[in-house]
Every structure is written in C-alpha cells, then in structure tokens.
Amino acid sequence: MRDLRSGETNAVFEALEDNLDVSVVSLRALLDESPHAEHAKNYTNLLRRIAEYRSTHPDRNRNSNIDEMVREALNSVNKTNR
C-alpha cells in the first residue's frame, strides 16, 4: 500500500504480476494433482482468462524458472480442456 500511496505504481504492478505468477503455478499444480476436483472446470476457466490477460499484457518474471512454469501452465489450458 505504501508504494501505491506514494505513487510508485510500477512497483505495485510488479508485485501484483508476481502474485499472479505464483497463483498460476499453484492452480496448475492443484489441477495436475486432482484433475477431477469439485471446482476443476472453474480453475481451468480462470487459467484461460489469465492466459487471455497475459496475451494482451505480457509480463516477464525476473525468475526465469517461474516465467517458464507460468508459460507452461497457461499453454496447457489453451491446448486441452484440462
């Protein structure tokens, strides 16, 4: 909040994008572990919406390993119904 209040919007966007990356990786892992979970279809749809967002607003994580995991997770929902 301090960054936002002080006008450091780039730092805020960076933090939000980093949080989104972690959420994508976590959600993909959850789907891989339990593809038939109660809300799996909703999770897959959410990942598709994030993939659409990222196609419009690309972001590169400073950690190339996380960047690759996010790319794979988002590509996986575009290729299949999982």
Protein backbone atom coordinates (compact mmCIF):
# COMPACT_ATOMS: atom_id res chain seq x y z
CA MET A 1 0.00 0.00 0.00
CA ARG A 2 2.86 2.35 0.75
CA ASP A 3 4.07 2.14 -2.88
CA LEU A 4 0.60 2.86 -4.19
CA ARG A 5 0.05 5.81 -1.87
CA SER A 6 3.44 7.27 -2.76
CA GLY A 7 2.71 6.98 -6.48
CA GLU A 8 5.08 4.07 -7.15
CA THR A 9 2.58 2.37 -9.43
CA ASN A 10 5.22 0.36 -11.31
CA ALA A 11 6.25 -1.33 -8.06
CA VAL A 12 2.61 -2.12 -7.34
CA PHE A 13 2.05 -3.61 -10.80
CA GLU A 14 5.23 -5.67 -10.45
CA ALA A 15 4.07 -7.07 -7.11
CA LEU A 16 0.60 -7.88 -8.49
CA GLU A 17 2.07 -9.62 -11.54
CA ASP A 18 4.41 -11.63 -9.28
CA ASN A 19 1.44 -12.67 -7.15
CA LEU A 20 -0.44 -13.68 -10.28
CA ASP A 21 2.51 -15.83 -11.40
CA VAL A 22 2.56 -17.68 -8.08
CA SER A 23 -1.20 -18.20 -8.25
CA VAL A 24 -1.00 -19.59 -11.79
CA VAL A 25 1.69 -22.10 -10.83
CA SER A 26 -0.22 -23.12 -7.70
CA LEU A 27 -3.51 -23.53 -9.53
CA ARG A 28 -1.89 -25.60 -12.28
CA ALA A 29 -0.29 -27.84 -9.65
CA LEU A 30 -3.65 -28.29 -7.94
CA LEU A 31 -5.25 -29.29 -11.24
CA ASP A 32 -2.40 -31.70 -12.01
CA GLU A 33 -2.81 -33.37 -8.62
CA SER A 34 -6.62 -33.50 -8.71
CA PRO A 35 -7.90 -33.09 -12.28
CA HIS A 36 -11.41 -34.12 -11.22
CA ALA A 37 -11.63 -31.84 -8.21
CA GLU A 38 -15.02 -30.32 -7.49
CA HIS A 39 -14.10 -26.95 -9.00
CA ALA A 40 -11.59 -28.11 -11.63
CA LYS A 41 -13.61 -26.65 -14.50
CA ASN A 42 -13.73 -23.26 -12.77
CA TYR A 43 -9.98 -23.36 -12.13
CA THR A 44 -9.33 -24.21 -15.77
CA ASN A 45 -11.56 -21.36 -16.91
CA LEU A 46 -9.71 -19.00 -14.59
CA LEU A 47 -6.38 -20.06 -16.06
CA ARG A 48 -7.79 -19.45 -19.56
CA ARG A 49 -8.86 -15.95 -18.56
CA ILE A 50 -5.40 -15.29 -17.13
CA ALA A 51 -3.88 -16.57 -20.40
CA GLU A 52 -6.06 -14.09 -22.32
CA TYR A 53 -4.98 -11.30 -19.97
CA ARG A 54 -1.31 -12.23 -20.41
CA SER A 55 -1.64 -12.32 -24.20
CA THR A 56 -2.82 -8.70 -24.03
CA HIS A 57 -0.49 -7.65 -21.21
CA PRO A 58 2.65 -9.80 -21.39
CA ASP A 59 4.88 -9.89 -18.34
CA ARG A 60 8.27 -11.46 -17.77
CA ASN A 61 9.12 -12.62 -14.28
CA ARG A 62 12.62 -11.81 -13.05
CA ASN A 63 12.96 -15.50 -12.19
CA SER A 64 13.23 -17.42 -15.47
CA ASN A 65 12.15 -20.68 -13.80
CA ILE A 66 8.88 -19.14 -12.63
CA ASP A 67 8.44 -17.50 -16.01
CA GLU A 68 8.75 -20.89 -17.73
CA MET A 69 6.35 -22.59 -15.27
CA VAL A 70 3.76 -19.86 -15.86
CA ARG A 71 4.15 -20.14 -19.63
CA GLU A 72 3.71 -23.94 -19.50
CA ALA A 73 0.70 -23.67 -17.18
CA LEU A 74 -1.06 -21.15 -19.38
CA ASN A 75 -0.21 -23.02 -22.58
CA SER A 76 -1.59 -26.23 -21.10
CA VAL A 77 -5.11 -24.84 -20.75
CA ASN A 78 -5.07 -23.45 -24.26
CA LYS A 79 -4.21 -26.85 -25.72
CA THR A 80 -6.60 -29.03 -23.73
CA ASN A 81 -9.77 -28.90 -21.72
CA ARG A 82 -7.79 -29.50 -18.53
